[in-house]
């Protein structure tokens, strides 16, 4: 990192085929087919109406309570982008609010993922702009830096690279590397179909839980 602590790298263009293949697939199912280790922890939706998004990752890392580099990243946003911010998990000061949300929205971005705090939460709901965050704070941020744009970051214990495919819904957020997106999508769609069959069998009264007894016997119970 430069001596001034600021790195500004360009956005990475979206992998459109991967985004389309994963659009609408539940985040929980994507996490399942990725080994159940993928996805965020401790981040919750700020918007209250359920919203599901799938888009291209634009990443920012900032010092706790400072949003200078987020303002720089806003100028990079393009339609379909998801802005993800590593704010060191600090919730003492909001990193984004209605003004920055409006700037992102008019550029066509589809959501924020903030490992830090946000404010003006009613505005996110009013405009149905998707946002996941660690907390809410009325206190505003500083604008001094340092930070970086479009470098690998961590949000909610999940590593995200610029250009990853990001899928998010009421359950959480998951990032998928472009090279893996189509294969993950194929497995996820297969699992969605399998789960629907299971639910239909439960409703019809034909579901068998014999596998539970078999698993317990295997463990010596």
Protein backbone atom coordinates (compact mmCIF):
# COMPACT_ATOMS: atom_id res chain seq x y z
CA UNK A 1 0.00 0.00 0.00
CA UNK A 2 1.29 3.51 -0.76
CA UNK A 3 2.78 5.55 2.06
CA UNK A 4 -0.36 7.69 2.22
CA UNK A 5 -2.47 4.59 2.85
CA UNK A 6 -4.69 5.17 -0.17
CA UNK A 7 -5.07 2.76 -3.08
CA UNK A 8 -7.52 3.56 -5.87
CA UNK A 9 -7.92 0.69 -8.32
CA UNK A 10 -10.50 0.60 -11.14
CA UNK A 11 -13.70 -1.42 -10.94
CA UNK A 12 -13.74 -4.92 -12.38
CA UNK A 13 -16.36 -5.49 -15.06
CA UNK A 14 -19.26 -7.77 -14.31
CA UNK A 15 -19.51 -11.43 -15.33
CA UNK A 16 -22.98 -11.04 -16.79
CA UNK A 17 -23.61 -14.74 -17.47
CA UNK A 18 -22.80 -15.67 -13.88
CA UNK A 19 -25.06 -12.94 -12.51
CA UNK A 20 -27.98 -14.05 -14.65
CA UNK A 21 -27.45 -17.72 -13.77
CA UNK A 22 -27.53 -16.97 -10.03
CA UNK A 23 -30.27 -14.34 -10.05
CA UNK A 24 -33.18 -15.39 -7.84
CA UNK A 25 -31.39 -18.35 -6.26
CA UNK A 26 -31.67 -18.24 -2.44
CA UNK A 27 -28.46 -17.23 -0.70
CA UNK A 28 -28.85 -20.17 1.68
CA UNK A 29 -28.87 -22.63 -1.20
CA UNK A 30 -25.82 -21.02 -2.78
CA UNK A 31 -24.05 -21.28 0.58
CA UNK A 32 -25.04 -24.93 0.89
CA UNK A 33 -23.60 -25.94 -2.47
CA UNK A 34 -20.41 -24.02 -1.68
CA UNK A 35 -19.73 -26.23 1.33
CA UNK A 36 -21.75 -24.26 3.90
CA UNK A 37 -18.74 -22.08 4.72
CA UNK A 38 -19.54 -19.26 2.29
CA UNK A 39 -21.57 -16.17 3.13
CA UNK A 40 -21.69 -13.35 5.63
CA UNK A 41 -22.24 -13.49 9.35
CA UNK A 42 -23.58 -10.73 11.63
CA UNK A 43 -24.83 -8.48 8.80
CA UNK A 44 -28.57 -7.84 8.65
CA UNK A 45 -30.91 -6.19 6.13
CA UNK A 46 -31.56 -2.51 6.81
CA UNK A 47 -34.45 -2.41 4.35
CA UNK A 48 -37.60 -3.92 5.86
CA UNK A 49 -39.39 -5.10 2.72
CA UNK A 50 -37.81 -8.34 1.43
CA UNK A 51 -35.46 -7.64 -1.48
CA UNK A 52 -33.22 -10.06 -3.36
CA UNK A 53 -30.36 -8.82 -5.52
CA UNK A 54 -27.60 -10.30 -7.65
CA UNK A 55 -24.85 -8.10 -9.07
CA UNK A 56 -21.20 -7.22 -9.53
CA UNK A 57 -18.93 -6.51 -6.56
CA UNK A 58 -17.30 -3.10 -6.22
CA UNK A 59 -15.19 -3.19 -3.06
CA UNK A 60 -14.01 -0.53 -0.62
CA UNK A 61 -11.92 -0.69 2.53
CA UNK A 62 -11.99 2.24 4.96
CA UNK A 63 -10.76 3.18 8.37
CA UNK A 64 -13.41 2.80 11.07
CA UNK A 65 -15.80 5.74 10.93
CA UNK A 66 -14.35 7.31 7.76
CA UNK A 67 -16.02 7.26 4.34
CA UNK A 68 -13.71 9.26 2.05
CA UNK A 69 -12.93 6.28 -0.19
CA UNK A 70 -16.61 5.30 -0.35
CA UNK A 71 -17.31 8.66 -1.96
CA UNK A 72 -14.60 7.88 -4.52
CA UNK A 73 -16.11 4.47 -5.21
CA UNK A 74 -19.54 5.96 -5.84
CA UNK A 75 -18.17 7.59 -8.99
CA UNK A 76 -17.16 4.15 -10.29
CA UNK A 77 -20.58 2.53 -9.95
CA UNK A 78 -22.42 1.20 -12.98
CA UNK A 79 -25.83 -0.42 -13.39
CA UNK A 80 -26.06 -3.74 -11.57
CA UNK A 81 -23.20 -3.08 -9.16
CA UNK A 82 -23.22 -3.96 -5.47
CA UNK A 83 -21.02 -1.73 -3.29
CA UNK A 84 -19.36 -3.69 -0.48
CA UNK A 85 -17.50 -1.85 2.28
CA UNK A 86 -15.09 -3.22 4.86
CA UNK A 87 -15.56 -0.69 7.66
CA UNK A 88 -13.66 -2.76 10.24
CA UNK A 89 -16.97 -3.78 11.79
CA UNK A 90 -17.22 -0.47 13.62
CA UNK A 91 -20.75 0.75 14.38
CA UNK A 92 -19.97 3.98 16.22
CA UNK A 93 -20.41 6.13 13.09
CA UNK A 94 -22.50 5.65 9.97
CA UNK A 95 -20.52 5.19 6.77
CA UNK A 96 -23.44 5.75 4.38
CA UNK A 97 -26.85 7.36 4.47
CA UNK A 98 -29.56 8.74 2.22
CA UNK A 99 -27.34 11.06 0.15
CA UNK A 100 -24.84 8.34 -0.73
CA UNK A 101 -27.64 5.84 -1.29
CA UNK A 102 -29.24 8.28 -3.72
CA UNK A 103 -25.97 8.71 -5.57
CA UNK A 104 -25.61 4.94 -5.93
CA UNK A 105 -29.25 4.48 -6.90
CA UNK A 106 -29.20 7.00 -9.73
CA UNK A 107 -26.09 5.27 -11.12
CA UNK A 108 -28.00 2.00 -11.27
CA UNK A 109 -26.34 0.21 -8.36
CA UNK A 110 -28.60 -2.40 -6.76
CA UNK A 111 -27.39 -2.47 -3.17
CA UNK A 112 -24.92 -1.84 -0.35
CA UNK A 113 -23.21 -4.35 1.92
CA UNK A 114 -21.61 -2.44 4.80
CA UNK A 115 -19.48 -4.07 7.49
CA UNK A 116 -20.11 -1.06 9.68
CA UNK A 117 -23.03 1.23 10.45
CA UNK A 118 -25.51 3.10 8.25
CA UNK A 119 -28.13 5.77 8.91
CA UNK A 120 -31.30 7.21 7.33
CA UNK A 121 -32.72 3.71 7.33
CA UNK A 122 -36.24 4.89 6.49
CA UNK A 123 -34.92 6.25 3.19
CA UNK A 124 -33.57 2.83 2.23
CA UNK A 125 -37.02 1.39 2.80
CA UNK A 126 -38.79 4.25 1.04
CA UNK A 127 -36.72 3.81 -2.11
CA UNK A 128 -36.51 0.01 -1.80
CA UNK A 129 -32.75 0.20 -2.03
CA UNK A 130 -31.16 -2.96 -0.68
CA UNK A 131 -28.69 -2.60 2.18
CA UNK A 132 -27.11 -5.07 4.59
CA UNK A 133 -25.11 -3.67 7.51
CA UNK A 134 -23.69 -4.54 10.89
CA UNK A 135 -25.54 -1.74 12.68
CA UNK A 136 -27.22 1.66 12.65
CA UNK A 137 -25.85 4.93 14.02
CA UNK A 138 -27.05 8.51 13.73
CA UNK A 139 -23.48 9.80 14.09
CA UNK A 140 -21.89 10.90 10.83
CA UNK A 141 -18.47 9.86 9.47
CA UNK A 142 -15.14 11.58 9.02
CA UNK A 143 -13.66 12.09 5.57
CA UNK A 144 -9.92 11.81 5.96
CA UNK A 145 -8.96 8.33 4.72
CA UNK A 146 -7.00 6.14 4.38
CA UNK A 147 -8.55 3.30 2.44
CA UNK A 148 -8.75 1.51 -0.88
CA UNK A 149 -11.08 0.74 -3.75
CA UNK A 150 -11.39 -2.52 -5.67
CA UNK A 151 -9.02 -4.57 -3.58
CA UNK A 152 -9.85 -7.83 -1.72
CA UNK A 153 -11.83 -7.08 1.44
CA UNK A 154 -13.65 -8.88 4.23
CA UNK A 155 -17.28 -8.16 5.07
CA UNK A 156 -19.15 -10.14 7.69
CA UNK A 157 -16.31 -12.69 7.87
CA UNK A 158 -16.54 -13.26 4.10
CA UNK A 159 -13.71 -12.48 1.69
CA UNK A 160 -14.85 -10.57 -1.41
CA UNK A 161 -12.83 -9.74 -4.51
CA UNK A 162 -13.75 -6.99 -6.94
CA UNK A 163 -15.77 -8.46 -9.78
CA UNK A 164 -17.22 -11.29 -7.71
CA UNK A 165 -20.86 -12.17 -8.26
CA UNK A 166 -22.79 -11.10 -5.16
CA UNK A 167 -26.17 -12.61 -4.30
CA UNK A 168 -28.13 -11.38 -1.31
CA UNK A 169 -31.59 -11.75 0.21
CA UNK A 170 -33.27 -11.76 3.61
CA UNK A 171 -30.97 -14.55 4.85
CA UNK A 172 -27.66 -12.87 4.03
CA UNK A 173 -25.01 -12.21 1.41
CA UNK A 174 -22.76 -14.59 -0.51
CA UNK A 175 -19.96 -13.83 -2.97
CA UNK A 176 -19.02 -16.18 -5.79
CA UNK A 177 -15.84 -15.98 -7.87
CA UNK A 178 -16.68 -15.45 -11.57
CA UNK A 179 -14.78 -18.58 -12.58
CA UNK A 180 -17.02 -20.65 -10.30
CA UNK A 181 -20.32 -18.88 -10.86
CA UNK A 182 -21.82 -21.08 -13.57
CA UNK A 183 -20.92 -24.33 -11.82
CA UNK A 184 -22.29 -23.01 -8.52
CA UNK A 185 -25.47 -21.92 -10.29
CA UNK A 186 -25.96 -25.37 -11.81
CA UNK A 187 -25.59 -27.10 -8.43
CA UNK A 188 -27.80 -24.51 -6.74
CA UNK A 189 -30.64 -24.93 -9.24
CA UNK A 190 -30.44 -28.70 -8.78
CA UNK A 191 -30.68 -28.27 -5.01
CA UNK A 192 -33.64 -25.92 -5.32
CA UNK A 193 -35.46 -28.62 -7.31
CA UNK A 194 -34.53 -31.29 -4.73
CA UNK A 195 -35.77 -29.15 -1.86
CA UNK A 196 -39.06 -28.50 -3.65
CA UNK A 197 -39.52 -32.26 -4.06
CA UNK A 198 -38.88 -32.75 -0.34
CA UNK A 199 -41.39 -30.06 0.62
CA UNK A 200 -43.99 -31.53 -1.74
CA UNK A 201 -43.45 -34.98 -0.19
CA UNK A 202 -43.88 -33.59 3.33
CA UNK A 203 -47.13 -31.89 2.34
CA UNK A 204 -48.34 -35.06 0.62
CA UNK A 205 -47.45 -37.23 3.62
CA UNK A 206 -45.04 -39.39 1.63
CA UNK A 207 -41.77 -38.09 3.05
CA UNK A 208 -39.56 -40.64 4.81
CA UNK A 209 -37.20 -39.64 7.62
CA UNK A 210 -35.58 -43.09 7.74
CA UNK A 211 -32.24 -41.45 7.03
CA UNK A 212 -32.29 -39.95 10.54
CA UNK A 213 -32.47 -43.36 12.21
CA UNK A 214 -29.74 -44.66 9.90
CA UNK A 215 -27.46 -41.75 10.76
CA UNK A 216 -28.01 -42.23 14.49
CA UNK A 217 -27.28 -45.97 14.26
CA UNK A 218 -24.09 -45.23 12.36
CA UNK A 219 -23.03 -43.02 15.27
CA UNK A 220 -23.77 -45.79 17.77
CA UNK A 221 -26.93 -44.26 19.22
